[in-house]
PDB file of N, CA and C in Angstrom:
ATOM      1  N   MET A   1     -12.532  12.158 -41.021  1.00  0.00           N
ATOM      2  CA  MET A   1     -12.209  13.195 -40.147  1.00  0.00           C
ATOM      3  C   MET A   1     -13.763  13.576 -39.487  1.00  0.00           C
ATOM      4  N   SER A   2     -13.465  13.837 -38.378  1.00  0.00           N
ATOM      5  CA  SER A   2     -14.708  13.950 -37.432  1.00  0.00           C
ATOM      6  C   SER A   2     -14.939  15.595 -37.465  1.00  0.00           C
ATOM      7  N   ASP A   3     -16.191  15.828 -37.107  1.00  0.00           N
ATOM      8  CA  ASP A   3     -16.711  17.169 -37.502  1.00  0.00           C
ATOM      9  C   ASP A   3     -15.939  18.163 -36.525  1.00  0.00           C
ATOM     10  N   ALA A   4     -15.734  17.722 -35.197  1.00  0.00           N
ATOM     11  CA  ALA A   4     -14.794  18.618 -34.119  1.00  0.00           C
ATOM     12  C   ALA A   4     -13.376  18.835 -34.734  1.00  0.00           C
ATOM     13  N   ALA A   5     -12.852  17.553 -35.344  1.00  0.00           N
ATOM     14  CA  ALA A   5     -11.410  18.130 -36.105  1.00  0.00           C
ATOM     15  C   ALA A   5     -11.434  19.395 -37.363  1.00  0.00           C
ATOM     16  N   ILE A   6     -12.638  19.330 -38.367  1.00  0.00           N
ATOM     17  CA  ILE A   6     -12.812  19.894 -39.223  1.00  0.00           C
ATOM     18  C   ILE A   6     -13.144  21.427 -38.554  1.00  0.00           C
ATOM     19  N   PHE A   7     -13.623  21.393 -37.712  1.00  0.00           N
ATOM     20  CA  PHE A   7     -13.959  22.968 -36.771  1.00  0.00           C
ATOM     21  C   PHE A   7     -12.809  23.430 -36.623  1.00  0.00           C
ATOM     22  N   VAL A   8     -11.822  22.511 -35.499  1.00  0.00           N
ATOM     23  CA  VAL A   8     -10.790  23.216 -35.032  1.00  0.00           C
ATOM     24  C   VAL A   8      -9.690  23.440 -36.180  1.00  0.00           C
ATOM     25  N   VAL A   9      -9.777  22.621 -37.315  1.00  0.00           N
ATOM     26  CA  VAL A   9      -8.626  23.019 -38.406  1.00  0.00           C
ATOM     27  C   VAL A   9      -9.272  24.394 -39.125  1.00  0.00           C
ATOM     28  N   VAL A  10     -10.353  24.648 -39.491  1.00  0.00           N
ATOM     29  CA  VAL A  10     -11.075  25.878 -40.047  1.00  0.00           C
ATOM     30  C   VAL A  10     -10.752  26.967 -39.168  1.00  0.00           C
ATOM     31  N   PHE A  11     -10.892  27.146 -37.969  1.00  0.00           N
ATOM     32  CA  PHE A  11     -10.743  27.990 -36.854  1.00  0.00           C
ATOM     33  C   PHE A  11      -9.576  28.319 -36.650  1.00  0.00           C
ATOM     34  N   VAL A  12      -8.787  27.433 -36.436  1.00  0.00           N
ATOM     35  CA  VAL A  12      -7.075  27.862 -36.371  1.00  0.00           C
ATOM     36  C   VAL A  12      -6.498  28.315 -37.835  1.00  0.00           C
ATOM     37  N   GLY A  13      -6.872  27.816 -38.970  1.00  0.00           N
ATOM     38  CA  GLY A  13      -6.447  28.404 -40.168  1.00  0.00           C
ATOM     39  C   GLY A  13      -7.285  29.568 -39.990  1.00  0.00           C
ATOM     40  N   LEU A  14      -8.067  30.198 -39.761  1.00  0.00           N
ATOM     41  CA  LEU A  14      -8.536  31.212 -40.191  1.00  0.00           C
ATOM     42  C   LEU A  14      -7.845  32.549 -38.995  1.00  0.00           C
ATOM     43  N   PHE A  15      -7.578  31.722 -37.957  1.00  0.00           N
ATOM     44  CA  PHE A  15      -6.908  32.819 -36.693  1.00  0.00           C
ATOM     45  C   PHE A  15      -5.469  32.857 -37.463  1.00  0.00           C
ATOM     46  N   ILE A  16      -5.071  32.259 -37.918  1.00  0.00           N
ATOM     47  CA  ILE A  16      -3.531  32.570 -38.454  1.00  0.00           C
ATOM     48  C   ILE A  16      -3.412  32.965 -39.514  1.00  0.00           C
ATOM     49  N   ALA A  17      -4.487  32.994 -40.326  1.00  0.00           N
ATOM     50  CA  ALA A  17      -4.574  33.820 -41.601  1.00  0.00           C
ATOM     51  C   ALA A  17      -4.907  35.245 -41.282  1.00  0.00           C
ATOM     52  N   ARG A  18      -5.732  35.633 -40.276  1.00  0.00           N
ATOM     53  CA  ARG A  18      -5.781  36.834 -39.397  1.00  0.00           C
ATOM     54  C   ARG A  18      -4.601  37.753 -38.895  1.00  0.00           C
ATOM     55  N   ILE A  19      -3.921  36.470 -38.411  1.00  0.00           N
ATOM     56  CA  ILE A  19      -2.501  37.518 -37.847  1.00  0.00           C
ATOM     57  C   ILE A  19      -1.771  37.672 -39.092  1.00  0.00           C
ATOM     58  N   CYS A  20      -1.334  36.653 -39.862  1.00  0.00           N
ATOM     59  CA  CYS A  20      -0.704  37.164 -41.165  1.00  0.00           C
ATOM     60  C   CYS A  20      -1.230  38.194 -41.784  1.00  0.00           C
ATOM     61  N   ALA A  21      -2.494  38.180 -42.064  1.00  0.00           N
ATOM     62  CA  ALA A  21      -2.845  39.918 -42.584  1.00  0.00           C
ATOM     63  C   ALA A  21      -2.379  40.730 -41.701  1.00  0.00           C
ATOM     64  N   ALA A  22      -2.819  40.829 -40.730  1.00  0.00           N
ATOM     65  CA  ALA A  22      -2.298  42.159 -39.861  1.00  0.00           C
ATOM     66  C   ALA A  22      -1.217  42.133 -39.803  1.00  0.00           C
ATOM     67  N   THR A  23      -0.496  41.664 -39.711  1.00  0.00           N
ATOM     68  CA  THR A  23       1.432  41.796 -39.745  1.00  0.00           C
ATOM     69  C   THR A  23       1.694  42.398 -40.911  1.00  0.00           C
ATOM     70  N   LEU A  24       1.077  41.665 -42.142  1.00  0.00           N
ATOM     71  CA  LEU A  24       1.350  42.202 -43.491  1.00  0.00           C
ATOM     72  C   LEU A  24       1.068  43.730 -43.251  1.00  0.00           C
ATOM     73  N   VAL A  25      -0.247  44.083 -42.922  1.00  0.00           N
ATOM     74  CA  VAL A  25      -0.543  45.570 -43.062  1.00  0.00           C
ATOM     75  C   VAL A  25       0.142  46.575 -42.543  1.00  0.00           C
ATOM     76  N   PHE A  26       0.464  46.046 -41.031  1.00  0.00           N
ATOM     77  CA  PHE A  26       1.023  46.971 -40.261  1.00  0.00           C
ATOM     78  C   PHE A  26       2.560  47.221 -40.782  1.00  0.00           C
ATOM     79  N   TYR A  27       3.319  46.122 -41.447  1.00  0.00           N
ATOM     80  CA  TYR A  27       4.675  46.179 -42.105  1.00  0.00           C
ATOM     81  C   TYR A  27       4.630  47.216 -43.110  1.00  0.00           C
ATOM     82  N   LEU A  28       3.479  47.163 -43.949  1.00  0.00           N
ATOM     83  CA  LEU A  28       3.204  48.382 -45.141  1.00  0.00           C
ATOM     84  C   LEU A  28       2.641  49.666 -44.846  1.00  0.00           C
ATOM     85  N   ILE A  29       2.341  49.779 -43.591  1.00  0.00           N
ATOM     86  CA  ILE A  29       1.933  51.119 -43.335  1.00  0.00           C
ATOM     87  C   ILE A  29       3.276  51.607 -42.601  1.00  0.00           C
ATOM     88  N   LEU A  30       4.174  51.282 -42.215  1.00  0.00           N
ATOM     89  CA  LEU A  30       5.623  51.417 -41.391  1.00  0.00           C
ATOM     90  C   LEU A  30       6.210  52.374 -42.760  1.00  0.00           C
ATOM     91  N   PRO A  31       6.654  53.750 -42.533  1.00  0.00           N
ATOM     92  CA  PRO A  31       7.297  54.493 -43.766  1.00  0.00           C
ATOM     93  C   PRO A  31       8.559  54.103 -43.919  1.00  0.00           C
ATOM     94  N   ARG A  32       9.241  54.292 -45.129  1.00  0.00           N
ATOM     95  CA  ARG A  32      10.382  53.804 -45.477  1.00  0.00           C
ATOM     96  C   ARG A  32      11.375  54.881 -45.645  1.00  0.00           C
ATOM     97  N   GLY A  33      12.328  54.394 -45.542  1.00  0.00           N
ATOM     98  CA  GLY A  33      13.552  55.416 -45.304  1.00  0.00           C
ATOM     99  C   GLY A  33      13.878  56.207 -43.983  1.00  0.00           C
ATOM    100  N   ASP A  34      14.317  57.017 -43.984  1.00  0.00           N
ATOM    101  CA  ASP A  34      14.770  57.651 -42.238  1.00  0.00           C
ATOM    102  C   ASP A  34      14.164  59.078 -42.302  1.00  0.00           C
ATOM    103  N   ARG A  35      12.910  59.483 -42.706  1.00  0.00           N
ATOM    104  CA  ARG A  35      12.344  60.480 -42.310  1.00  0.00           C
ATOM    105  C   ARG A  35      11.323  60.237 -41.516  1.00  0.00           C
ATOM    106  N   CYS A  36      11.126  61.249 -40.517  1.00  0.00           N
ATOM    107  CA  CYS A  36      10.012  61.147 -39.239  1.00  0.00           C
ATOM    108  C   CYS A  36       8.827  60.955 -39.779  1.00  0.00           C
ATOM    109  N   PRO A  37       7.941  60.491 -39.019  1.00  0.00           N
ATOM    110  CA  PRO A  37       6.489  60.272 -39.636  1.00  0.00           C
ATOM    111  C   PRO A  37       5.887  61.551 -38.999  1.00  0.00           C
ATOM    112  N   ASN A  38       6.051  62.117 -38.053  1.00  0.00           N
ATOM    113  CA  ASN A  38       5.417  63.259 -37.430  1.00  0.00           C
ATOM    114  C   ASN A  38       5.794  64.373 -37.978  1.00  0.00           C
ATOM    115  N   CYS A  39       7.218  64.578 -38.337  1.00  0.00           N
ATOM    116  CA  CYS A  39       7.443  65.995 -38.622  1.00  0.00           C
ATOM    117  C   CYS A  39       8.319  66.150 -39.891  1.00  0.00           C
ATOM    118  N   ASP A  40       8.812  64.975 -40.486  1.00  0.00           N
ATOM    119  CA  ASP A  40       9.452  64.642 -41.918  1.00  0.00           C
ATOM    120  C   ASP A  40      11.078  65.397 -41.827  1.00  0.00           C
ATOM    121  N   ALA A  41      11.460  65.246 -40.590  1.00  0.00           N
ATOM    122  CA  ALA A  41      12.547  65.855 -40.425  1.00  0.00           C
ATOM    123  C   ALA A  41      13.569  64.218 -40.640  1.00  0.00           C
ATOM    124  N   PRO A  42      14.679  64.281 -40.945  1.00  0.00           N
ATOM    125  CA  PRO A  42      15.708  63.132 -40.898  1.00  0.00           C
ATOM    126  C   PRO A  42      15.829  62.375 -39.392  1.00  0.00           C
ATOM    127  N   THR A  43      15.855  61.378 -39.365  1.00  0.00           N
ATOM    128  CA  THR A  43      15.907  60.843 -38.029  1.00  0.00           C
ATOM    129  C   THR A  43      17.450  60.119 -37.950  1.00  0.00           C
ATOM    130  N   ILE A  44      18.028  59.727 -36.623  1.00  0.00           N
ATOM    131  CA  ILE A  44      19.047  59.038 -36.533  1.00  0.00           C
ATOM    132  C   ILE A  44      18.902  57.618 -36.245  1.00  0.00           C
ATOM    133  N   ARG A  45      19.803  56.901 -36.664  1.00  0.00           N
ATOM    134  CA  ARG A  45      19.320  55.635 -36.304  1.00  0.00           C
ATOM    135  C   ARG A  45      19.859  55.013 -34.713  1.00  0.00           C
ATOM    136  N   VAL A  46      18.961  54.346 -33.916  1.00  0.00           N
ATOM    137  CA  VAL A  46      19.472  54.192 -32.598  1.00  0.00           C
ATOM    138  C   VAL A  46      19.680  52.533 -32.579  1.00  0.00           C
ATOM    139  N   GLN A  47      20.926  52.177 -31.924  1.00  0.00           N
ATOM    140  CA  GLN A  47      21.382  50.845 -31.611  1.00  0.00           C
ATOM    141  C   GLN A  47      20.369  50.062 -30.773  1.00  0.00           C
ATOM    142  N   SER A  48      19.813  49.276 -30.794  1.00  0.00           N
ATOM    143  CA  SER A  48      18.703  48.478 -29.912  1.00  0.00           C
ATOM    144  C   SER A  48      19.204  47.020 -30.436  1.00  0.00           C
ATOM    145  N   ALA A  49      20.039  46.606 -29.409  1.00  0.00           N
ATOM    146  CA  ALA A  49      20.846  45.161 -29.895  1.00  0.00           C
ATOM    147  C   ALA A  49      19.530  44.084 -29.713  1.00  0.00           C
ATOM    148  N   GLY A  50      18.342  44.118 -29.003  1.00  0.00           N
ATOM    149  CA  GLY A  50      17.332  43.186 -28.894  1.00  0.00           C
ATOM    150  C   GLY A  50      16.461  43.273 -30.252  1.00  0.00           C
ATOM    151  N   MET A  51      16.086  44.626 -30.633  1.00  0.00           N
ATOM    152  CA  MET A  51      15.319  44.653 -31.674  1.00  0.00           C
ATOM    153  C   MET A  51      16.004  44.480 -32.898  1.00  0.00           C
ATOM    154  N   ASN A  52      16.993  44.801 -33.311  1.00  0.00           N
ATOM    155  CA  ASN A  52      17.959  44.381 -34.424  1.00  0.00           C
ATOM    156  C   ASN A  52      18.281  43.132 -34.767  1.00  0.00           C
ATOM    157  N   ARG A  53      18.142  42.355 -33.534  1.00  0.00           N
ATOM    158  CA  ARG A  53      18.703  40.875 -33.845  1.00  0.00           C
ATOM    159  C   ARG A  53      17.317  40.185 -33.965  1.00  0.00           C
ATOM    160  N   LEU A  54      16.260  40.565 -33.269  1.00  0.00           N
ATOM    161  CA  LEU A  54      15.084  39.767 -33.642  1.00  0.00           C
ATOM    162  C   LEU A  54      14.227  40.330 -34.650  1.00  0.00           C
ATOM    163  N   MET A  55      14.243  41.553 -35.168  1.00  0.00           N
ATOM    164  CA  MET A  55      13.538  41.881 -36.560  1.00  0.00           C
ATOM    165  C   MET A  55      14.570  42.781 -37.630  1.00  0.00           C
ATOM    166  N   PRO A  56      15.494  42.114 -37.912  1.00  0.00           N
ATOM    167  CA  PRO A  56      16.466  42.921 -38.604  1.00  0.00           C
ATOM    168  C   PRO A  56      15.890  43.932 -39.748  1.00  0.00           C
ATOM    169  N   TRP A  57      14.580  43.705 -40.582  1.00  0.00           N
ATOM    170  CA  TRP A  57      14.273  44.123 -41.510  1.00  0.00           C
ATOM    171  C   TRP A  57      13.601  45.805 -41.146  1.00  0.00           C
ATOM    172  N   PHE A  58      13.500  45.799 -39.744  1.00  0.00           N
ATOM    173  CA  PHE A  58      13.137  47.340 -39.470  1.00  0.00           C
ATOM    174  C   PHE A  58      14.252  48.100 -38.911  1.00  0.00           C
ATOM    175  N   ARG A  59      14.134  49.306 -38.839  1.00  0.00           N
ATOM    176  CA  ARG A  59      15.150  50.410 -38.427  1.00  0.00           C
ATOM    177  C   ARG A  59      14.689  51.057 -37.369  1.00  0.00           C
ATOM    178  N   THR A  60      15.269  50.954 -36.198  1.00  0.00           N
ATOM    179  CA  THR A  60      14.993  51.668 -35.149  1.00  0.00           C
ATOM    180  C   THR A  60      15.666  53.119 -35.055  1.00  0.00           C
ATOM    181  N   SER A  61      14.649  54.272 -35.046  1.00  0.00           N
ATOM    182  CA  SER A  61      15.049  55.438 -35.270  1.00  0.00           C
ATOM    183  C   SER A  61      14.586  56.358 -34.037  1.00  0.00           C
ATOM    184  N   TRP A  62      15.261  57.575 -34.146  1.00  0.00           N
ATOM    185  CA  TRP A  62      14.844  58.779 -33.527  1.00  0.00           C
ATOM    186  C   TRP A  62      14.905  59.938 -33.640  1.00  0.00           C
ATOM    187  N   CYS A  63      13.882  60.843 -33.605  1.00  0.00           N
ATOM    188  CA  CYS A  63      14.137  62.221 -34.202  1.00  0.00           C
ATOM    189  C   CYS A  63      14.426  63.187 -33.270  1.00  0.00           C
ATOM    190  N   MET A  64      15.497  63.827 -33.445  1.00  0.00           N
ATOM    191  CA  MET A  64      15.951  65.093 -32.505  1.00  0.00           C
ATOM    192  C   MET A  64      15.078  66.429 -32.910  1.00  0.00           C
ATOM    193  N   ALA A  65      14.172  66.395 -33.657  1.00  0.00           N
ATOM    194  CA  ALA A  65      13.340  67.585 -33.971  1.00  0.00           C
ATOM    195  C   ALA A  65      12.317  67.443 -32.819  1.00  0.00           C
ATOM    196  N   CYS A  66      11.485  66.190 -32.898  1.00  0.00           N
ATOM    197  CA  CYS A  66      10.253  66.189 -32.461  1.00  0.00           C
ATOM    198  C   CYS A  66      10.191  65.225 -31.310  1.00  0.00           C
ATOM    199  N   ASN A  67      11.574  64.636 -30.955  1.00  0.00           N
ATOM    200  CA  ASN A  67      11.594  63.390 -29.941  1.00  0.00           C
ATOM    201  C   ASN A  67      10.866  62.061 -30.523  1.00  0.00           C
ATOM    202  N   TRP A  68      10.601  61.958 -31.668  1.00  0.00           N
ATOM    203  CA  TRP A  68       9.813  60.737 -31.679  1.00  0.00           C
ATOM    204  C   TRP A  68      10.805  59.325 -31.790  1.00  0.00           C
ATOM    205  N   SER A  69      10.330  58.212 -31.423  1.00  0.00           N
ATOM    206  CA  SER A  69      11.087  57.196 -31.491  1.00  0.00           C
ATOM    207  C   SER A  69      10.107  56.044 -31.667  1.00  0.00           C
ATOM    208  N   GLY A  70      11.182  55.261 -32.739  1.00  0.00           N
ATOM    209  CA  GLY A  70      10.110  54.079 -33.266  1.00  0.00           C
ATOM    210  C   GLY A  70      10.724  53.312 -34.322  1.00  0.00           C
ATOM    211  N   VAL A  71      10.257  52.531 -35.032  1.00  0.00           N
ATOM    212  CA  VAL A  71      10.640  51.955 -36.203  1.00  0.00           C
ATOM    213  C   VAL A  71      10.368  52.202 -37.568  1.00  0.00           C
ATOM    214  N   LEU A  72      11.247  52.329 -38.499  1.00  0.00           N
ATOM    215  CA  LEU A  72      10.782  52.394 -39.824  1.00  0.00           C
ATOM    216  C   LEU A  72      11.522  51.166 -40.645  1.00  0.00           C
ATOM    217  N   ARG A  73      10.782  50.936 -41.921  1.00  0.00           N
ATOM    218  CA  ARG A  73      11.472  50.060 -42.798  1.00  0.00           C
ATOM    219  C   ARG A  73      12.693  50.864 -43.409  1.00  0.00           C
ATOM    220  N   HIS A  74      13.815  49.908 -43.955  1.00  0.00           N
ATOM    221  CA  HIS A  74      14.639  50.198 -44.621  1.00  0.00           C
ATOM    222  C   HIS A  74      14.267  51.051 -45.783  1.00  0.00           C
ATOM    223  N   GLY A  75      15.102  51.770 -46.296  1.00  0.00           N
ATOM    224  CA  GLY A  75      14.607  52.449 -47.718  1.00  0.00           C
ATOM    225  C   GLY A  75      15.697  53.735 -48.026  1.00  0.00           C
ATOM    226  N   PRO A  76      15.371  54.490 -48.980  1.00  0.00           N
ATOM    227  CA  PRO A  76      16.135  55.597 -49.367  1.00  0.00           C
ATOM    228  C   PRO A  76      16.591  56.421 -48.062  1.00  0.00           C
ATOM    229  N   LEU A  77      17.867  57.057 -47.952  1.00  0.00           N
ATOM    230  CA  LEU A  77      18.244  57.762 -46.851  1.00  0.00           C
ATOM    231  C   LEU A  77      18.117  59.057 -47.278  1.00  0.00           C
ATOM    232  N   SER A  78      18.057  60.472 -46.520  1.00  0.00           N
ATOM    233  CA  SER A  78      18.347  61.460 -46.945  1.00  0.00           C
ATOM    234  C   SER A  78      19.978  61.939 -46.998  1.00  0.00           C
ATOM    235  N   PRO A  79      19.787  63.026 -48.301  1.00  0.00           N
ATOM    236  CA  PRO A  79      21.216  63.387 -48.313  1.00  0.00           C
ATOM    237  C   PRO A  79      21.708  64.152 -47.272  1.00  0.00           C
ATOM    238  N   GLU A  80      23.088  64.002 -47.030  1.00  0.00           N
ATOM    239  CA  GLU A  80      23.556  64.974 -46.046  1.00  0.00           C
ATOM    240  C   GLU A  80      23.699  66.281 -46.486  1.00  0.00           C
ATOM    241  N   PRO A  81      23.602  67.267 -45.584  1.00  0.00           N
ATOM    242  CA  PRO A  81      23.702  68.611 -46.051  1.00  0.00           C
ATOM    243  C   PRO A  81      24.996  68.786 -46.566  1.00  0.00           C
ATOM    244  N   THR A  82      25.167  69.646 -47.413  1.00  0.00           N
ATOM    245  CA  THR A  82      26.637  70.304 -47.782  1.00  0.00           C
ATOM    246  C   THR A  82      27.224  71.392 -46.919  1.00  0.00           C
ATOM    247  N   GLN A  83      28.176  71.515 -46.994  1.00  0.00           N
ATOM    248  CA  GLN A  83      28.994  72.769 -46.055  1.00  0.00           C
ATOM    249  C   GLN A  83      28.239  74.148 -46.349  1.00  0.00           C
ATOM    250  N   ALA A  84      27.977  74.255 -47.393  1.00  0.00           N
ATOM    251  CA  ALA A  84      27.513  75.529 -47.666  1.00  0.00           C
ATOM    252  C   ALA A  84      26.122  75.663 -46.870  1.00  0.00           C
ATOM    253  N   GLU A  85      25.346  74.381 -46.899  1.00  0.00           N
ATOM    254  CA  GLU A  85      24.089  74.614 -46.221  1.00  0.00           C
ATOM    255  C   GLU A  85      24.322  74.680 -44.593  1.00  0.00           C
ATOM    256  N   VAL A  86      25.204  73.985 -44.279  1.00  0.00           N
ATOM    257  CA  VAL A  86      25.994  73.734 -42.895  1.00  0.00           C
ATOM    258  C   VAL A  86      25.858  75.136 -42.286  1.00  0.00           C
ATOM    259  N   THR A  87      26.778  75.946 -43.043  1.00  0.00           N
ATOM    260  CA  THR A  87      27.232  77.315 -42.579  1.00  0.00           C
ATOM    261  C   THR A  87      26.225  78.354 -42.705  1.00  0.00           C
ATOM    262  N   HIS A  88      25.143  78.093 -43.730  1.00  0.00           N
ATOM    263  CA  HIS A  88      24.384  79.049 -44.101  1.00  0.00           C
ATOM    264  C   HIS A  88      23.074  79.275 -42.672  1.00  0.00           C
ATOM    265  N   HIS A  89      23.012  77.977 -42.301  1.00  0.00           N
ATOM    266  CA  HIS A  89      21.820  77.667 -41.209  1.00  0.00           C
ATOM    267  C   HIS A  89      22.430  78.511 -39.972  1.00  0.00           C
ATOM    268  N   LYS A  90      23.687  78.860 -40.010  1.00  0.00           N
ATOM    269  CA  LYS A  90      24.115  79.189 -38.438  1.00  0.00           C
ATOM    270  C   LYS A  90      24.022  80.364 -37.912  1.00  0.00           C
TER     271      LYS A  90
END
């Protein structure tokens, strides 16, 4: 194999490895569950046909408390408030 081919194979391999490592790190820093990363309030799921079809392992969400919108990883959901908690806060 020529020196130019070895050079191309090594640098293309390093480029692909860098993209894979960055993707993995960004995936792991996304929070799991349905809590807002800004204010820790429960978020609601937003229907996004394109995003959900391309990347089903993400959860498109919107926070009603601070108006944050983005993606989260699937994980544990917050428990729904009981009837006593709902009437107590009114």
